[in-house]
């Protein structure tokens, strides 16, 4: 999170969270 400089603005940025989303 700290590495991101602006809010997600496109699909590629939205999908940055896919790798974390399976961790309940």
PDBML (XML) file of the C-alpha atoms, coordinates in Angstrom:
<?xml version="1.0" encoding="UTF-8" ?>
<PDBx:datablock datablockName="MODEL"
   xmlns:PDBx="http://pdbml.pdb.org/schema/pdbx-v50.xsd"
   xmlns:xsi="http://www.w3.org/2001/XMLSchema-instance"
   xsi:schemaLocation="http://pdbml.pdb.org/schema/pdbx-v50.xsd pdbx-v50.xsd">
   <PDBx:atom_siteCategory>
      <PDBx:atom_site id="1">
         <PDBx:B_iso_or_equiv>0.00</PDBx:B_iso_or_equiv>
         <PDBx:Cartn_x>0.000</PDBx:Cartn_x>
         <PDBx:Cartn_y>0.000</PDBx:Cartn_y>
         <PDBx:Cartn_z>0.000</PDBx:Cartn_z>
         <PDBx:auth_asym_id>A</PDBx:auth_asym_id>
         <PDBx:auth_atom_id>CA</PDBx:auth_atom_id>
         <PDBx:auth_comp_id>UNK</PDBx:auth_comp_id>
         <PDBx:auth_seq_id>1</PDBx:auth_seq_id>
         <PDBx:group_PDB>ATOM</PDBx:group_PDB>
         <PDBx:label_alt_id xsi:nil="true" />
         <PDBx:label_asym_id>A</PDBx:label_asym_id>
         <PDBx:label_atom_id>CA</PDBx:label_atom_id>
         <PDBx:label_comp_id>UNK</PDBx:label_comp_id>
         <PDBx:label_entity_id>1</PDBx:label_entity_id>
         <PDBx:label_seq_id>1</PDBx:label_seq_id>
         <PDBx:occupancy>1.00</PDBx:occupancy>
         <PDBx:pdbx_PDB_model_num>1</PDBx:pdbx_PDB_model_num>
         <PDBx:type_symbol>C</PDBx:type_symbol>
      </PDBx:atom_site>
      <PDBx:atom_site id="2">
         <PDBx:B_iso_or_equiv>0.00</PDBx:B_iso_or_equiv>
         <PDBx:Cartn_x>2.806</PDBx:Cartn_x>
         <PDBx:Cartn_y>2.369</PDBx:Cartn_y>
         <PDBx:Cartn_z>0.903</PDBx:Cartn_z>
         <PDBx:auth_asym_id>A</PDBx:auth_asym_id>
         <PDBx:auth_atom_id>CA</PDBx:auth_atom_id>
         <PDBx:auth_comp_id>UNK</PDBx:auth_comp_id>
         <PDBx:auth_seq_id>2</PDBx:auth_seq_id>
         <PDBx:group_PDB>ATOM</PDBx:group_PDB>
         <PDBx:label_alt_id xsi:nil="true" />
         <PDBx:label_asym_id>A</PDBx:label_asym_id>
         <PDBx:label_atom_id>CA</PDBx:label_atom_id>
         <PDBx:label_comp_id>UNK</PDBx:label_comp_id>
         <PDBx:label_entity_id>1</PDBx:label_entity_id>
         <PDBx:label_seq_id>2</PDBx:label_seq_id>
         <PDBx:occupancy>1.00</PDBx:occupancy>
         <PDBx:pdbx_PDB_model_num>1</PDBx:pdbx_PDB_model_num>
         <PDBx:type_symbol>C</PDBx:type_symbol>
      </PDBx:atom_site>
      <PDBx:atom_site id="3">
         <PDBx:B_iso_or_equiv>0.00</PDBx:B_iso_or_equiv>
         <PDBx:Cartn_x>4.252</PDBx:Cartn_x>
         <PDBx:Cartn_y>2.045</PDBx:Cartn_y>
         <PDBx:Cartn_z>-2.598</PDBx:Cartn_z>
         <PDBx:auth_asym_id>A</PDBx:auth_asym_id>
         <PDBx:auth_atom_id>CA</PDBx:auth_atom_id>
         <PDBx:auth_comp_id>UNK</PDBx:auth_comp_id>
         <PDBx:auth_seq_id>3</PDBx:auth_seq_id>
         <PDBx:group_PDB>ATOM</PDBx:group_PDB>
         <PDBx:label_alt_id xsi:nil="true" />
         <PDBx:label_asym_id>A</PDBx:label_asym_id>
         <PDBx:label_atom_id>CA</PDBx:label_atom_id>
         <PDBx:label_comp_id>UNK</PDBx:label_comp_id>
         <PDBx:label_entity_id>1</PDBx:label_entity_id>
         <PDBx:label_seq_id>3</PDBx:label_seq_id>
         <PDBx:occupancy>1.00</PDBx:occupancy>
         <PDBx:pdbx_PDB_model_num>1</PDBx:pdbx_PDB_model_num>
         <PDBx:type_symbol>C</PDBx:type_symbol>
      </PDBx:atom_site>
      <PDBx:atom_site id="4">
         <PDBx:B_iso_or_equiv>0.00</PDBx:B_iso_or_equiv>
         <PDBx:Cartn_x>1.120</PDBx:Cartn_x>
         <PDBx:Cartn_y>3.423</PDBx:Cartn_y>
         <PDBx:Cartn_z>-4.294</PDBx:Cartn_z>
         <PDBx:auth_asym_id>A</PDBx:auth_asym_id>
         <PDBx:auth_atom_id>CA</PDBx:auth_atom_id>
         <PDBx:auth_comp_id>UNK</PDBx:auth_comp_id>
         <PDBx:auth_seq_id>4</PDBx:auth_seq_id>
         <PDBx:group_PDB>ATOM</PDBx:group_PDB>
         <PDBx:label_alt_id xsi:nil="true" />
         <PDBx:label_asym_id>A</PDBx:label_asym_id>
         <PDBx:label_atom_id>CA</PDBx:label_atom_id>
         <PDBx:label_comp_id>UNK</PDBx:label_comp_id>
         <PDBx:label_entity_id>1</PDBx:label_entity_id>
         <PDBx:label_seq_id>4</PDBx:label_seq_id>
         <PDBx:occupancy>1.00</PDBx:occupancy>
         <PDBx:pdbx_PDB_model_num>1</PDBx:pdbx_PDB_model_num>
         <PDBx:type_symbol>C</PDBx:type_symbol>
      </PDBx:atom_site>
      <PDBx:atom_site id="5">
         <PDBx:B_iso_or_equiv>0.00</PDBx:B_iso_or_equiv>
         <PDBx:Cartn_x>0.941</PDBx:Cartn_x>
         <PDBx:Cartn_y>7.144</PDBx:Cartn_y>
         <PDBx:Cartn_z>-4.979</PDBx:Cartn_z>
         <PDBx:auth_asym_id>A</PDBx:auth_asym_id>
         <PDBx:auth_atom_id>CA</PDBx:auth_atom_id>
         <PDBx:auth_comp_id>UNK</PDBx:auth_comp_id>
         <PDBx:auth_seq_id>5</PDBx:auth_seq_id>
         <PDBx:group_PDB>ATOM</PDBx:group_PDB>
         <PDBx:label_alt_id xsi:nil="true" />
         <PDBx:label_asym_id>A</PDBx:label_asym_id>
         <PDBx:label_atom_id>CA</PDBx:label_atom_id>
         <PDBx:label_comp_id>UNK</PDBx:label_comp_id>
         <PDBx:label_entity_id>1</PDBx:label_entity_id>
         <PDBx:label_seq_id>5</PDBx:label_seq_id>
         <PDBx:occupancy>1.00</PDBx:occupancy>
         <PDBx:pdbx_PDB_model_num>1</PDBx:pdbx_PDB_model_num>
         <PDBx:type_symbol>C</PDBx:type_symbol>
      </PDBx:atom_site>
      <PDBx:atom_site id="6">
         <PDBx:B_iso_or_equiv>0.00</PDBx:B_iso_or_equiv>
         <PDBx:Cartn_x>-2.664</PDBx:Cartn_x>
         <PDBx:Cartn_y>7.584</PDBx:Cartn_y>
         <PDBx:Cartn_z>-6.130</PDBx:Cartn_z>
         <PDBx:auth_asym_id>A</PDBx:auth_asym_id>
         <PDBx:auth_atom_id>CA</PDBx:auth_atom_id>
         <PDBx:auth_comp_id>UNK</PDBx:auth_comp_id>
         <PDBx:auth_seq_id>6</PDBx:auth_seq_id>
         <PDBx:group_PDB>ATOM</PDBx:group_PDB>
         <PDBx:label_alt_id xsi:nil="true" />
         <PDBx:label_asym_id>A</PDBx:label_asym_id>
         <PDBx:label_atom_id>CA</PDBx:label_atom_id>
         <PDBx:label_comp_id>UNK</PDBx:label_comp_id>
         <PDBx:label_entity_id>1</PDBx:label_entity_id>
         <PDBx:label_seq_id>6</PDBx:label_seq_id>
         <PDBx:occupancy>1.00</PDBx:occupancy>
         <PDBx:pdbx_PDB_model_num>1</PDBx:pdbx_PDB_model_num>
         <PDBx:type_symbol>C</PDBx:type_symbol>
      </PDBx:atom_site>
      <PDBx:atom_site id="7">
         <PDBx:B_iso_or_equiv>0.00</PDBx:B_iso_or_equiv>
         <PDBx:Cartn_x>-6.036</PDBx:Cartn_x>
         <PDBx:Cartn_y>5.864</PDBx:Cartn_y>
         <PDBx:Cartn_z>-5.861</PDBx:Cartn_z>
         <PDBx:auth_asym_id>A</PDBx:auth_asym_id>
         <PDBx:auth_atom_id>CA</PDBx:auth_atom_id>
         <PDBx:auth_comp_id>UNK</PDBx:auth_comp_id>
         <PDBx:auth_seq_id>7</PDBx:auth_seq_id>
         <PDBx:group_PDB>ATOM</PDBx:group_PDB>
         <PDBx:label_alt_id xsi:nil="true" />
         <PDBx:label_asym_id>A</PDBx:label_asym_id>
         <PDBx:label_atom_id>CA</PDBx:label_atom_id>
         <PDBx:label_comp_id>UNK</PDBx:label_comp_id>
         <PDBx:label_entity_id>1</PDBx:label_entity_id>
         <PDBx:label_seq_id>7</PDBx:label_seq_id>
         <PDBx:occupancy>1.00</PDBx:occupancy>
         <PDBx:pdbx_PDB_model_num>1</PDBx:pdbx_PDB_model_num>
         <PDBx:type_symbol>C</PDBx:type_symbol>
      </PDBx:atom_site>
      <PDBx:atom_site id="8">
         <PDBx:B_iso_or_equiv>0.00</PDBx:B_iso_or_equiv>
         <PDBx:Cartn_x>-6.751</PDBx:Cartn_x>
         <PDBx:Cartn_y>3.008</PDBx:Cartn_y>
         <PDBx:Cartn_z>-8.318</PDBx:Cartn_z>
         <PDBx:auth_asym_id>A</PDBx:auth_asym_id>
         <PDBx:auth_atom_id>CA</PDBx:auth_atom_id>
         <PDBx:auth_comp_id>UNK</PDBx:auth_comp_id>
         <PDBx:auth_seq_id>8</PDBx:auth_seq_id>
         <PDBx:group_PDB>ATOM</PDBx:group_PDB>
         <PDBx:label_alt_id xsi:nil="true" />
         <PDBx:label_asym_id>A</PDBx:label_asym_id>
         <PDBx:label_atom_id>CA</PDBx:label_atom_id>
         <PDBx:label_comp_id>UNK</PDBx:label_comp_id>
         <PDBx:label_entity_id>1</PDBx:label_entity_id>
         <PDBx:label_seq_id>8</PDBx:label_seq_id>
         <PDBx:occupancy>1.00</PDBx:occupancy>
         <PDBx:pdbx_PDB_model_num>1</PDBx:pdbx_PDB_model_num>
         <PDBx:type_symbol>C</PDBx:type_symbol>
      </PDBx:atom_site>
      <PDBx:atom_site id="9">
         <PDBx:B_iso_or_equiv>0.00</PDBx:B_iso_or_equiv>
         <PDBx:Cartn_x>-7.842</PDBx:Cartn_x>
         <PDBx:Cartn_y>4.536</PDBx:Cartn_y>
         <PDBx:Cartn_z>-11.611</PDBx:Cartn_z>
         <PDBx:auth_asym_id>A</PDBx:auth_asym_id>
         <PDBx:auth_atom_id>CA</PDBx:auth_atom_id>
         <PDBx:auth_comp_id>UNK</PDBx:auth_comp_id>
         <PDBx:auth_seq_id>9</PDBx:auth_seq_id>
         <PDBx:group_PDB>ATOM</PDBx:group_PDB>
         <PDBx:label_alt_id xsi:nil="true" />
         <PDBx:label_asym_id>A</PDBx:label_asym_id>
         <PDBx:label_atom_id>CA</PDBx:label_atom_id>
         <PDBx:label_comp_id>UNK</PDBx:label_comp_id>
         <PDBx:label_entity_id>1</PDBx:label_entity_id>
         <PDBx:label_seq_id>9</PDBx:label_seq_id>
         <PDBx:occupancy>1.00</PDBx:occupancy>
         <PDBx:pdbx_PDB_model_num>1</PDBx:pdbx_PDB_model_num>
         <PDBx:type_symbol>C</PDBx:type_symbol>
      </PDBx:atom_site>
      <PDBx:atom_site id="10">
         <PDBx:B_iso_or_equiv>0.00</PDBx:B_iso_or_equiv>
         <PDBx:Cartn_x>-7.952</PDBx:Cartn_x>
         <PDBx:Cartn_y>1.579</PDBx:Cartn_y>
         <PDBx:Cartn_z>-14.003</PDBx:Cartn_z>
         <PDBx:auth_asym_id>A</PDBx:auth_asym_id>
         <PDBx:auth_atom_id>CA</PDBx:auth_atom_id>
         <PDBx:auth_comp_id>UNK</PDBx:auth_comp_id>
         <PDBx:auth_seq_id>10</PDBx:auth_seq_id>
         <PDBx:group_PDB>ATOM</PDBx:group_PDB>
         <PDBx:label_alt_id xsi:nil="true" />
         <PDBx:label_asym_id>A</PDBx:label_asym_id>
         <PDBx:label_atom_id>CA</PDBx:label_atom_id>
         <PDBx:label_comp_id>UNK</PDBx:label_comp_id>
         <PDBx:label_entity_id>1</PDBx:label_entity_id>
         <PDBx:label_seq_id>10</PDBx:label_seq_id>
         <PDBx:occupancy>1.00</PDBx:occupancy>
         <PDBx:pdbx_PDB_model_num>1</PDBx:pdbx_PDB_model_num>
         <PDBx:type_symbol>C</PDBx:type_symbol>
      </PDBx:atom_site>
      <PDBx:atom_site id="11">
         <PDBx:B_iso_or_equiv>0.00</PDBx:B_iso_or_equiv>
         <PDBx:Cartn_x>-8.462</PDBx:Cartn_x>
         <PDBx:Cartn_y>-2.185</PDBx:Cartn_y>
         <PDBx:Cartn_z>-14.149</PDBx:Cartn_z>
         <PDBx:auth_asym_id>A</PDBx:auth_asym_id>
         <PDBx:auth_atom_id>CA</PDBx:auth_atom_id>
         <PDBx:auth_comp_id>UNK</PDBx:auth_comp_id>
         <PDBx:auth_seq_id>11</PDBx:auth_seq_id>
         <PDBx:group_PDB>ATOM</PDBx:group_PDB>
         <PDBx:label_alt_id xsi:nil="true" />
         <PDBx:label_asym_id>A</PDBx:label_asym_id>
         <PDBx:label_atom_id>CA</PDBx:label_atom_id>
         <PDBx:label_comp_id>UNK</PDBx:label_comp_id>
         <PDBx:label_entity_id>1</PDBx:label_entity_id>
         <PDBx:label_seq_id>11</PDBx:label_seq_id>
         <PDBx:occupancy>1.00</PDBx:occupancy>
         <PDBx:pdbx_PDB_model_num>1</PDBx:pdbx_PDB_model_num>
         <PDBx:type_symbol>C</PDBx:type_symbol>
      </PDBx:atom_site>
      <PDBx:atom_site id="12">
         <PDBx:B_iso_or_equiv>0.00</PDBx:B_iso_or_equiv>
         <PDBx:Cartn_x>-4.745</PDBx:Cartn_x>
         <PDBx:Cartn_y>-2.966</PDBx:Cartn_y>
         <PDBx:Cartn_z>-13.903</PDBx:Cartn_z>
         <PDBx:auth_asym_id>A</PDBx:auth_asym_id>
         <PDBx:auth_atom_id>CA</PDBx:auth_atom_id>
         <PDBx:auth_comp_id>UNK</PDBx:auth_comp_id>
         <PDBx:auth_seq_id>12</PDBx:auth_seq_id>
         <PDBx:group_PDB>ATOM</PDBx:group_PDB>
         <PDBx:label_alt_id xsi:nil="true" />
         <PDBx:label_asym_id>A</PDBx:label_asym_id>
         <PDBx:label_atom_id>CA</PDBx:label_atom_id>
         <PDBx:label_comp_id>UNK</PDBx:label_comp_id>
         <PDBx:label_entity_id>1</PDBx:label_entity_id>
         <PDBx:label_seq_id>12</PDBx:label_seq_id>
         <PDBx:occupancy>1.00</PDBx:occupancy>
         <PDBx:pdbx_PDB_model_num>1</PDBx:pdbx_PDB_model_num>
         <PDBx:type_symbol>C</PDBx:type_symbol>
      </PDBx:atom_site>
      <PDBx:atom_site id="13">
         <PDBx:B_iso_or_equiv>0.00</PDBx:B_iso_or_equiv>
         <PDBx:Cartn_x>-4.438</PDBx:Cartn_x>
         <PDBx:Cartn_y>-0.976</PDBx:Cartn_y>
         <PDBx:Cartn_z>-10.680</PDBx:Cartn_z>
         <PDBx:auth_asym_id>A</PDBx:auth_asym_id>
         <PDBx:auth_atom_id>CA</PDBx:auth_atom_id>
         <PDBx:auth_comp_id>UNK</PDBx:auth_comp_id>
         <PDBx:auth_seq_id>13</PDBx:auth_seq_id>
         <PDBx:group_PDB>ATOM</PDBx:group_PDB>
         <PDBx:label_alt_id xsi:nil="true" />
         <PDBx:label_asym_id>A</PDBx:label_asym_id>
         <PDBx:label_atom_id>CA</PDBx:label_atom_id>
         <PDBx:label_comp_id>UNK</PDBx:label_comp_id>
         <PDBx:label_entity_id>1</PDBx:label_entity_id>
         <PDBx:label_seq_id>13</PDBx:label_seq_id>
         <PDBx:occupancy>1.00</PDBx:occupancy>
         <PDBx:pdbx_PDB_model_num>1</PDBx:pdbx_PDB_model_num>
         <PDBx:type_symbol>C</PDBx:type_symbol>
      </PDBx:atom_site>
      <PDBx:atom_site id="14">
         <PDBx:B_iso_or_equiv>0.00</PDBx:B_iso_or_equiv>
         <PDBx:Cartn_x>-7.652</PDBx:Cartn_x>
         <PDBx:Cartn_y>-2.498</PDBx:Cartn_y>
         <PDBx:Cartn_z>-9.299</PDBx:Cartn_z>
         <PDBx:auth_asym_id>A</PDBx:auth_asym_id>
         <PDBx:auth_atom_id>CA</PDBx:auth_atom_id>
         <PDBx:auth_comp_id>UNK</PDBx:auth_comp_id>
         <PDBx:auth_seq_id>14</PDBx:auth_seq_id>
         <PDBx:group_PDB>ATOM</PDBx:group_PDB>
         <PDBx:label_alt_id xsi:nil="true" />
         <PDBx:label_asym_id>A</PDBx:label_asym_id>
         <PDBx:label_atom_id>CA</PDBx:label_atom_id>
         <PDBx:label_comp_id>UNK</PDBx:label_comp_id>
         <PDBx:label_entity_id>1</PDBx:label_entity_id>
         <PDBx:label_seq_id>14</PDBx:label_seq_id>
         <PDBx:occupancy>1.00</PDBx:occupancy>
         <PDBx:pdbx_PDB_model_num>1</PDBx:pdbx_PDB_model_num>
         <PDBx:type_symbol>C</PDBx:type_symbol>
      </PDBx:atom_site>
      <PDBx:atom_site id="15">
         <PDBx:B_iso_or_equiv>0.00</PDBx:B_iso_or_equiv>
         <PDBx:Cartn_x>-6.265</PDBx:Cartn_x>
         <PDBx:Cartn_y>-5.980</PDBx:Cartn_y>
         <PDBx:Cartn_z>-9.965</PDBx:Cartn_z>
         <PDBx:auth_asym_id>A</PDBx:auth_asym_id>
         <PDBx:auth_atom_id>CA</PDBx:auth_atom_id>
         <PDBx:auth_comp_id>UNK</PDBx:auth_comp_id>
         <PDBx:auth_seq_id>15</PDBx:auth_seq_id>
         <PDBx:group_PDB>ATOM</PDBx:group_PDB>
         <PDBx:label_alt_id xsi:nil="true" />
         <PDBx:label_asym_id>A</PDBx:label_asym_id>
         <PDBx:label_atom_id>CA</PDBx:label_atom_id>
         <PDBx:label_comp_id>UNK</PDBx:label_comp_id>
         <PDBx:label_entity_id>1</PDBx:label_entity_id>
         <PDBx:label_seq_id>15</PDBx:label_seq_id>
         <PDBx:occupancy>1.00</PDBx:occupancy>
         <PDBx:pdbx_PDB_model_num>1</PDBx:pdbx_PDB_model_num>
         <PDBx:type_symbol>C</PDBx:type_symbol>
      </PDBx:atom_site>
      <PDBx:atom_site id="16">
         <PDBx:B_iso_or_equiv>0.00</PDBx:B_iso_or_equiv>
         <PDBx:Cartn_x>-3.171</PDBx:Cartn_x>
         <PDBx:Cartn_y>-5.277</PDBx:Cartn_y>
         <PDBx:Cartn_z>-7.879</PDBx:Cartn_z>
         <PDBx:auth_asym_id>A</PDBx:auth_asym_id>
         <PDBx:auth_atom_id>CA</PDBx:auth_atom_id>
         <PDBx:auth_comp_id>UNK</PDBx:auth_comp_id>
         <PDBx:auth_seq_id>16</PDBx:auth_seq_id>
         <PDBx:group_PDB>ATOM</PDBx:group_PDB>
         <PDBx:label_alt_id xsi:nil="true" />
         <PDBx:label_asym_id>A</PDBx:label_asym_id>
         <PDBx:label_atom_id>CA</PDBx:label_atom_id>
         <PDBx:label_comp_id>UNK</PDBx:label_comp_id>
         <PDBx:label_entity_id>1</PDBx:label_entity_id>
         <PDBx:label_seq_id>16</PDBx:label_seq_id>
         <PDBx:occupancy>1.00</PDBx:occupancy>
         <PDBx:pdbx_PDB_model_num>1</PDBx:pdbx_PDB_model_num>
         <PDBx:type_symbol>C</PDBx:type_symbol>
      </PDBx:atom_site>
      <PDBx:atom_site id="17">
         <PDBx:B_iso_or_equiv>0.00</PDBx:B_iso_or_equiv>
         <PDBx:Cartn_x>-5.254</PDBx:Cartn_x>
         <PDBx:Cartn_y>-6.568</PDBx:Cartn_y>
         <PDBx:Cartn_z>-4.963</PDBx:Cartn_z>
         <PDBx:auth_asym_id>A</PDBx:auth_asym_id>
         <PDBx:auth_atom_id>CA</PDBx:auth_atom_id>
         <PDBx:auth_comp_id>UNK</PDBx:auth_comp_id>
         <PDBx:auth_seq_id>17</PDBx:auth_seq_id>
         <PDBx:group_PDB>ATOM</PDBx:group_PDB>
         <PDBx:label_alt_id xsi:nil="true" />
         <PDBx:label_asym_id>A</PDBx:label_asym_id>
         <PDBx:label_atom_id>CA</PDBx:label_atom_id>
         <PDBx:label_comp_id>UNK</PDBx:label_comp_id>
         <PDBx:label_entity_id>1</PDBx:label_entity_id>
         <PDBx:label_seq_id>17</PDBx:label_seq_id>
         <PDBx:occupancy>1.00</PDBx:occupancy>
         <PDBx:pdbx_PDB_model_num>1</PDBx:pdbx_PDB_model_num>
         <PDBx:type_symbol>C</PDBx:type_symbol>
      </PDBx:atom_site>
      <PDBx:atom_site id="18">
         <PDBx:B_iso_or_equiv>0.00</PDBx:B_iso_or_equiv>
         <PDBx:Cartn_x>-6.037</PDBx:Cartn_x>
         <PDBx:Cartn_y>-9.982</PDBx:Cartn_y>
         <PDBx:Cartn_z>-6.521</PDBx:Cartn_z>
         <PDBx:auth_asym_id>A</PDBx:auth_asym_id>
         <PDBx:auth_atom_id>CA</PDBx:auth_atom_id>
         <PDBx:auth_comp_id>UNK</PDBx:auth_comp_id>
         <PDBx:auth_seq_id>18</PDBx:auth_seq_id>
         <PDBx:group_PDB>ATOM</PDBx:group_PDB>
         <PDBx:label_alt_id xsi:nil="true" />
         <PDBx:label_asym_id>A</PDBx:label_asym_id>
         <PDBx:label_atom_id>CA</PDBx:label_atom_id>
         <PDBx:label_comp_id>UNK</PDBx:label_comp_id>
         <PDBx:label_entity_id>1</PDBx:label_entity_id>
         <PDBx:label_seq_id>18</PDBx:label_seq_id>
         <PDBx:occupancy>1.00</PDBx:occupancy>
         <PDBx:pdbx_PDB_model_num>1</PDBx:pdbx_PDB_model_num>
         <PDBx:type_symbol>C</PDBx:type_symbol>
      </PDBx:atom_site>
      <PDBx:atom_site id="19">
         <PDBx:B_iso_or_equiv>0.00</PDBx:B_iso_or_equiv>
         <PDBx:Cartn_x>-2.920</PDBx:Cartn_x>
         <PDBx:Cartn_y>-11.607</PDBx:Cartn_y>
         <PDBx:Cartn_z>-5.078</PDBx:Cartn_z>
         <PDBx:auth_asym_id>A</PDBx:auth_asym_id>
         <PDBx:auth_atom_id>CA</PDBx:auth_atom_id>
         <PDBx:auth_comp_id>UNK</PDBx:auth_comp_id>
         <PDBx:auth_seq_id>19</PDBx:auth_seq_id>
         <PDBx:group_PDB>ATOM</PDBx:group_PDB>
         <PDBx:label_alt_id xsi:nil="true" />
         <PDBx:label_asym_id>A</PDBx:label_asym_id>
         <PDBx:label_atom_id>CA</PDBx:label_atom_id>
         <PDBx:label_comp_id>UNK</PDBx:label_comp_id>
         <PDBx:label_entity_id>1</PDBx:label_entity_id>
         <PDBx:label_seq_id>19</PDBx:label_seq_id>
         <PDBx:occupancy>1.00</PDBx:occupancy>
         <PDBx:pdbx_PDB_model_num>1</PDBx:pdbx_PDB_model_num>
         <PDBx:type_symbol>C</PDBx:type_symbol>
      </PDBx:atom_site>
      <PDBx:atom_site id="20">
         <PDBx:B_iso_or_equiv>0.00</PDBx:B_iso_or_equiv>
         <PDBx:Cartn_x>-3.986</PDBx:Cartn_x>
         <PDBx:Cartn_y>-10.572</PDBx:Cartn_y>
         <PDBx:Cartn_z>-1.549</PDBx:Cartn_z>
         <PDBx:auth_asym_id>A</PDBx:auth_asym_id>
         <PDBx:auth_atom_id>CA</PDBx:auth_atom_id>
         <PDBx:auth_comp_id>UNK</PDBx:auth_comp_id>
         <PDBx:auth_seq_id>20</PDBx:auth_seq_id>
         <PDBx:group_PDB>ATOM</PDBx:group_PDB>
         <PDBx:label_alt_id xsi:nil="true" />
         <PDBx:label_asym_id>A</PDBx:label_asym_id>
         <PDBx:label_atom_id>CA</PDBx:label_atom_id>
         <PDBx:label_comp_id>UNK</PDBx:label_comp_id>
         <PDBx:label_entity_id>1</PDBx:label_entity_id>
         <PDBx:label_seq_id>20</PDBx:label_seq_id>
         <PDBx:occupancy>1.00</PDBx:occupancy>
         <PDBx:pdbx_PDB_model_num>1</PDBx:pdbx_PDB_model_num>
         <PDBx:type_symbol>C</PDBx:type_symbol>
      </PDBx:atom_site>
      <PDBx:atom_site id="21">
         <PDBx:B_iso_or_equiv>0.00</PDBx:B_iso_or_equiv>
         <PDBx:Cartn_x>-7.737</PDBx:Cartn_x>
         <PDBx:Cartn_y>-11.197</PDBx:Cartn_y>
         <PDBx:Cartn_z>-1.839</PDBx:Cartn_z>
         <PDBx:auth_asym_id>A</PDBx:auth_asym_id>
         <PDBx:auth_atom_id>CA</PDBx:auth_atom_id>
         <PDBx:auth_comp_id>UNK</PDBx:auth_comp_id>
         <PDBx:auth_seq_id>21</PDBx:auth_seq_id>
         <PDBx:group_PDB>ATOM</PDBx:group_PDB>
         <PDBx:label_alt_id xsi:nil="true" />
         <PDBx:label_asym_id>A</PDBx:label_asym_id>
         <PDBx:label_atom_id>CA</PDBx:label_atom_id>
         <PDBx:label_comp_id>UNK</PDBx:label_comp_id>
         <PDBx:label_entity_id>1</PDBx:label_entity_id>
         <PDBx:label_seq_id>21</PDBx:label_seq_id>
         <PDBx:occupancy>1.00</PDBx:occupancy>
         <PDBx:pdbx_PDB_model_num>1</PDBx:pdbx_PDB_model_num>
         <PDBx:type_symbol>C</PDBx:type_symbol>
      </PDBx:atom_site>
      <PDBx:atom_site id="22">
         <PDBx:B_iso_or_equiv>0.00</PDBx:B_iso_or_equiv>
         <PDBx:Cartn_x>-7.512</PDBx:Cartn_x>
         <PDBx:Cartn_y>-14.972</PDBx:Cartn_y>
         <PDBx:Cartn_z>-1.295</PDBx:Cartn_z>
         <PDBx:auth_asym_id>A</PDBx:auth_asym_id>
         <PDBx:auth_atom_id>CA</PDBx:auth_atom_id>
         <PDBx:auth_comp_id>UNK</PDBx:auth_comp_id>
         <PDBx:auth_seq_id>22</PDBx:auth_seq_id>
         <PDBx:group_PDB>ATOM</PDBx:group_PDB>
         <PDBx:label_alt_id xsi:nil="true" />
         <PDBx:label_asym_id>A</PDBx:label_asym_id>
         <PDBx:label_atom_id>CA</PDBx:label_atom_id>
         <PDBx:label_comp_id>UNK</PDBx:label_comp_id>
         <PDBx:label_entity_id>1</PDBx:label_entity_id>
         <PDBx:label_seq_id>22</PDBx:label_seq_id>
         <PDBx:occupancy>1.00</PDBx:occupancy>
         <PDBx:pdbx_PDB_model_num>1</PDBx:pdbx_PDB_model_num>
         <PDBx:type_symbol>C</PDBx:type_symbol>
      </PDBx:atom_site>
      <PDBx:atom_site id="23">
         <PDBx:B_iso_or_equiv>0.00</PDBx:B_iso_or_equiv>
         <PDBx:Cartn_x>-5.888</PDBx:Cartn_x>
         <PDBx:Cartn_y>-14.482</PDBx:Cartn_y>
         <PDBx:Cartn_z>2.115</PDBx:Cartn_z>
         <PDBx:auth_asym_id>A</PDBx:auth_asym_id>
         <PDBx:auth_atom_id>CA</PDBx:auth_atom_id>
         <PDBx:auth_comp_id>UNK</PDBx:auth_comp_id>
         <PDBx:auth_seq_id>23</PDBx:auth_seq_id>
         <PDBx:group_PDB>ATOM</PDBx:group_PDB>
         <PDBx:label_alt_id xsi:nil="true" />
         <PDBx:label_asym_id>A</PDBx:label_asym_id>
         <PDBx:label_atom_id>CA</PDBx:label_atom_id>
         <PDBx:label_comp_id>UNK</PDBx:label_comp_id>
         <PDBx:label_entity_id>1</PDBx:label_entity_id>
         <PDBx:label_seq_id>23</PDBx:label_seq_id>
         <PDBx:occupancy>1.00</PDBx:occupancy>
         <PDBx:pdbx_PDB_model_num>1</PDBx:pdbx_PDB_model_num>
         <PDBx:type_symbol>C</PDBx:type_symbol>
      </PDBx:atom_site>
      <PDBx:atom_site id="24">
         <PDBx:B_iso_or_equiv>0.00</PDBx:B_iso_or_equiv>
         <PDBx:Cartn_x>-8.916</PDBx:Cartn_x>
         <PDBx:Cartn_y>-14.677</PDBx:Cartn_y>
         <PDBx:Cartn_z>4.452</PDBx:Cartn_z>
         <PDBx:auth_asym_id>A</PDBx:auth_asym_id>
         <PDBx:auth_atom_id>CA</PDBx:auth_atom_id>
         <PDBx:auth_comp_id>UNK</PDBx:auth_comp_id>
         <PDBx:auth_seq_id>24</PDBx:auth_seq_id>
         <PDBx:group_PDB>ATOM</PDBx:group_PDB>
         <PDBx:label_alt_id xsi:nil="true" />
         <PDBx:label_asym_id>A</PDBx:label_asym_id>
         <PDBx:label_atom_id>CA</PDBx:label_atom_id>
         <PDBx:label_comp_id>UNK</PDBx:label_comp_id>
         <PDBx:label_entity_id>1</PDBx:label_entity_id>
         <PDBx:label_seq_id>24</PDBx:label_seq_id>
         <PDBx:occupancy>1.00</PDBx:occupancy>
         <PDBx:pdbx_PDB_model_num>1</PDBx:pdbx_PDB_model_num>
         <PDBx:type_symbol>C</PDBx:type_symbol>
      </PDBx:atom_site>
   </PDBx:atom_siteCategory>
</PDBx:datablock>
